[in-house]
Amino acid sequence: MKGRNGGMAVVLVAVAAWFAQSAEAADRIKVGMMDQQQVIERTVAGKRALEELKSYSLTRQKIIDSDDQELKQLEKDVQDQALSEEVRKEKQDQFRTKLEAYQRRIQDFNREVQEKQRAMVAEYAQKIRAAAEAVAQKEGYAAVLDRGSESTVKIVIYGHPSVDLTEQIIKEFDRQNK
């Protein structure tokens, strides 16, 4: 019985030493957090890129809306009772062809917008990384974590406001990307 308690004491001392060592290491390591979405939305270059993406999407949406109006008019024409059967069939074929083209165009435009968005995110992720790295090196941080958001993966569950580097990274990003 005595030997068992002695073994337990050795384990407790080892665990306590490990915790003390971990606590010392934690005191020496600085970890910061940031909000990448805020960096994109609040920097000059990020705002410009978001506006370009929005303009690109709106241009495509106007084309889709125009096609939609044309389809609605063709649909009305097909339902016109005064048309002969031959003209009605021609209008139906025309409607079907335009509808298929309309659906393909929507898919193509959606794919284009998604590709443009992915490219923008990839480009800005590199730029944000460079700005975060510069701030971390200057301030002595070993790591900078993305806080995440409700629409993305929430990486940081809690972070004290004193380790939020978003504002400094925004300033650095604007300095690097004039």
Protein backbone atom coordinates (compact mmCIF):
# COMPACT_ATOMS: atom_id res chain seq x y z
CA MET A 1 0.00 0.00 0.00
CA LYS A 2 2.83 2.34 0.88
CA GLY A 3 4.49 1.78 -2.52
CA ARG A 4 1.31 2.73 -4.36
CA ASN A 5 1.02 6.10 -2.66
CA GLY A 6 4.68 6.80 -3.33
CA GLY A 7 4.10 6.12 -7.05
CA MET A 8 1.10 8.43 -7.02
CA ALA A 9 3.21 11.18 -5.45
CA VAL A 10 5.78 10.84 -8.24
CA VAL A 11 3.01 11.12 -10.85
CA LEU A 12 1.55 14.19 -9.12
CA VAL A 13 4.96 15.86 -8.98
CA ALA A 14 5.50 15.12 -12.69
CA VAL A 15 2.07 16.52 -13.62
CA ALA A 16 2.65 19.63 -11.49
CA ALA A 17 6.06 20.15 -13.14
CA TRP A 18 4.49 19.76 -16.58
CA PHE A 19 1.79 22.34 -15.75
CA ALA A 20 4.41 24.75 -14.38
CA GLN A 21 6.51 24.31 -17.50
CA SER A 22 3.42 24.82 -19.72
CA ALA A 23 2.46 27.94 -17.79
CA GLU A 24 5.97 29.39 -18.20
CA ALA A 25 5.87 28.64 -21.94
CA ALA A 26 2.44 30.26 -22.23
CA ASP A 27 3.77 33.41 -20.56
CA ARG A 28 6.47 33.66 -23.21
CA ILE A 29 4.25 33.05 -26.25
CA LYS A 30 2.03 35.87 -27.48
CA VAL A 31 -0.93 34.90 -29.63
CA GLY A 32 -3.12 37.47 -31.34
CA MET A 33 -6.37 37.28 -33.23
CA MET A 34 -7.90 39.18 -36.11
CA ASP A 35 -11.04 39.32 -38.20
CA GLN A 36 -10.14 38.78 -41.87
CA GLN A 37 -13.60 39.81 -43.04
CA GLN A 38 -13.21 43.16 -41.29
CA VAL A 39 -9.81 43.64 -42.94
CA ILE A 40 -11.33 43.13 -46.38
CA GLU A 41 -14.38 45.28 -45.66
CA ARG A 42 -12.53 48.18 -44.03
CA THR A 43 -9.33 48.57 -46.05
CA VAL A 44 -9.15 50.84 -49.07
CA ALA A 45 -8.10 48.05 -51.45
CA GLY A 46 -10.59 45.61 -49.91
CA LYS A 47 -13.49 48.04 -50.32
CA ARG A 48 -12.45 48.63 -53.93
CA ALA A 49 -12.30 44.88 -54.63
CA LEU A 50 -15.72 44.32 -53.04
CA GLU A 51 -17.17 47.14 -55.15
CA GLU A 52 -15.68 45.64 -58.31
CA LEU A 53 -17.17 42.25 -57.44
CA LYS A 54 -20.54 43.86 -56.72
CA SER A 55 -20.43 45.79 -60.01
CA TYR A 56 -19.47 42.62 -61.89
CA SER A 57 -22.41 40.77 -60.34
CA LEU A 58 -24.85 43.63 -61.02
CA THR A 59 -23.84 43.78 -64.68
CA ARG A 60 -24.59 40.09 -65.04
CA GLN A 61 -27.85 40.47 -63.13
CA LYS A 62 -29.00 43.20 -65.53
CA ILE A 63 -28.42 40.83 -68.45
CA ILE A 64 -30.37 38.10 -66.66
CA ASP A 65 -33.20 40.54 -65.89
CA SER A 66 -33.36 41.57 -69.54
CA ASP A 67 -33.50 37.91 -70.62
CA ASP A 68 -36.21 37.34 -68.02
CA GLN A 69 -38.35 40.14 -69.45
CA GLU A 70 -37.90 38.77 -72.96
CA LEU A 71 -38.99 35.31 -71.78
CA LYS A 72 -42.07 36.74 -70.07
CA GLN A 73 -43.04 38.53 -73.28
CA LEU A 74 -42.56 35.35 -75.31
CA GLU A 75 -44.68 33.45 -72.80
CA LYS A 76 -47.46 36.02 -73.21
CA ASP A 77 -47.17 35.73 -76.98
CA VAL A 78 -47.51 31.95 -76.79
CA GLN A 79 -50.72 32.33 -74.77
CA ASP A 80 -52.21 34.82 -77.23
CA GLN A 81 -55.46 33.27 -78.46
CA ALA A 82 -55.38 35.18 -81.74
CA LEU A 83 -52.31 33.30 -82.99
CA SER A 84 -52.61 30.55 -85.57
CA GLU A 85 -51.46 27.10 -84.47
CA GLU A 86 -48.39 27.32 -86.70
CA VAL A 87 -47.29 30.70 -85.26
CA ARG A 88 -48.02 29.47 -81.72
CA LYS A 89 -45.81 26.40 -82.27
CA GLU A 90 -43.06 28.63 -83.64
CA LYS A 91 -43.32 30.88 -80.56
CA GLN A 92 -43.25 27.83 -78.26
CA ASP A 93 -40.08 26.57 -79.93
CA GLN A 94 -38.57 30.03 -79.69
CA PHE A 95 -39.56 30.21 -75.99
CA ARG A 96 -38.06 26.77 -75.26
CA THR A 97 -34.77 27.66 -76.99
CA LYS A 98 -34.53 31.00 -75.18
CA LEU A 99 -35.39 29.37 -71.85
CA GLU A 100 -32.57 26.84 -72.25
CA ALA A 101 -30.13 29.63 -73.18
CA TYR A 102 -31.36 31.66 -70.19
CA GLN A 103 -30.78 28.76 -67.79
CA ARG A 104 -27.28 28.13 -69.21
CA ARG A 105 -26.46 31.82 -68.92
CA ILE A 106 -27.54 31.88 -65.27
CA GLN A 107 -25.31 28.89 -64.54
CA ASP A 108 -22.40 30.42 -66.44
CA PHE A 109 -22.77 33.78 -64.71
CA ASN A 110 -23.03 32.14 -61.28
CA ARG A 111 -19.88 30.13 -61.99
CA GLU A 112 -18.05 33.26 -63.23
CA VAL A 113 -19.02 35.26 -60.15
CA GLN A 114 -17.98 32.41 -57.83
CA GLU A 115 -14.63 32.05 -59.63
CA LYS A 116 -14.03 35.79 -59.43
CA GLN A 117 -14.94 35.73 -55.73
CA ARG A 118 -12.61 32.77 -55.06
CA ALA A 119 -9.76 34.52 -56.89
CA MET A 120 -10.34 37.69 -54.89
CA VAL A 121 -10.42 35.78 -51.59
CA ALA A 122 -7.19 33.95 -52.47
CA GLU A 123 -5.45 37.18 -53.48
CA TYR A 124 -6.57 39.03 -50.37
CA ALA A 125 -5.76 36.11 -48.08
CA GLN A 126 -2.11 36.42 -49.19
CA LYS A 127 -2.14 40.20 -48.69
CA ILE A 128 -3.80 39.88 -45.27
CA ARG A 129 -1.27 37.23 -44.30
CA ALA A 130 1.60 39.57 -45.22
CA ALA A 131 0.08 42.42 -43.17
CA ALA A 132 -0.62 40.11 -40.20
CA GLU A 133 2.92 38.75 -40.37
CA ALA A 134 4.38 42.27 -40.35
CA VAL A 135 2.27 43.28 -37.34
CA ALA A 136 3.04 40.03 -35.49
CA GLN A 137 6.79 40.39 -36.02
CA LYS A 138 6.76 44.04 -34.98
CA GLU A 139 4.67 43.37 -31.84
CA GLY A 140 6.32 40.05 -30.91
CA TYR A 141 3.38 37.71 -31.55
CA ALA A 142 4.17 34.05 -32.24
CA ALA A 143 0.83 33.45 -33.97
CA VAL A 144 -2.19 35.35 -35.24
CA LEU A 145 -5.46 33.43 -35.48
CA ASP A 146 -8.47 34.38 -37.56
CA ARG A 147 -11.46 34.91 -35.31
CA GLY A 148 -13.83 33.57 -37.95
CA SER A 149 -17.49 34.48 -38.14
CA GLU A 150 -20.95 32.98 -38.09
CA SER A 151 -20.80 32.44 -41.86
CA THR A 152 -17.36 30.79 -41.73
CA VAL A 153 -15.65 28.48 -39.29
CA LYS A 154 -15.48 30.06 -35.85
CA ILE A 155 -11.83 29.49 -34.94
CA VAL A 156 -11.49 31.66 -31.84
CA ILE A 157 -14.22 30.99 -29.33
CA TYR A 158 -13.00 33.69 -26.97
CA GLY A 159 -10.26 36.25 -27.25
CA HIS A 160 -9.54 39.15 -24.96
CA PRO A 161 -9.83 42.47 -26.80
CA SER A 162 -6.20 43.24 -25.92
CA VAL A 163 -5.01 40.53 -28.34
CA ASP A 164 -7.27 41.65 -31.21
CA LEU A 165 -4.89 42.92 -33.88
CA THR A 166 -7.52 43.70 -36.51
CA GLU A 167 -7.05 47.49 -36.36
CA GLN A 168 -3.26 47.26 -36.62
CA ILE A 169 -3.54 44.77 -39.49
CA ILE A 170 -5.98 47.07 -41.33
CA LYS A 171 -3.48 49.94 -41.04
CA GLU A 172 -0.60 47.73 -42.16
CA PHE A 173 -2.64 46.32 -45.03
CA ASP A 174 -3.46 49.82 -46.27
CA ARG A 175 0.20 50.81 -45.92
CA GLN A 176 1.34 47.76 -47.95
CA ASN A 177 -1.44 47.97 -50.59
CA LYS A 178 -1.75 51.60 -51.61
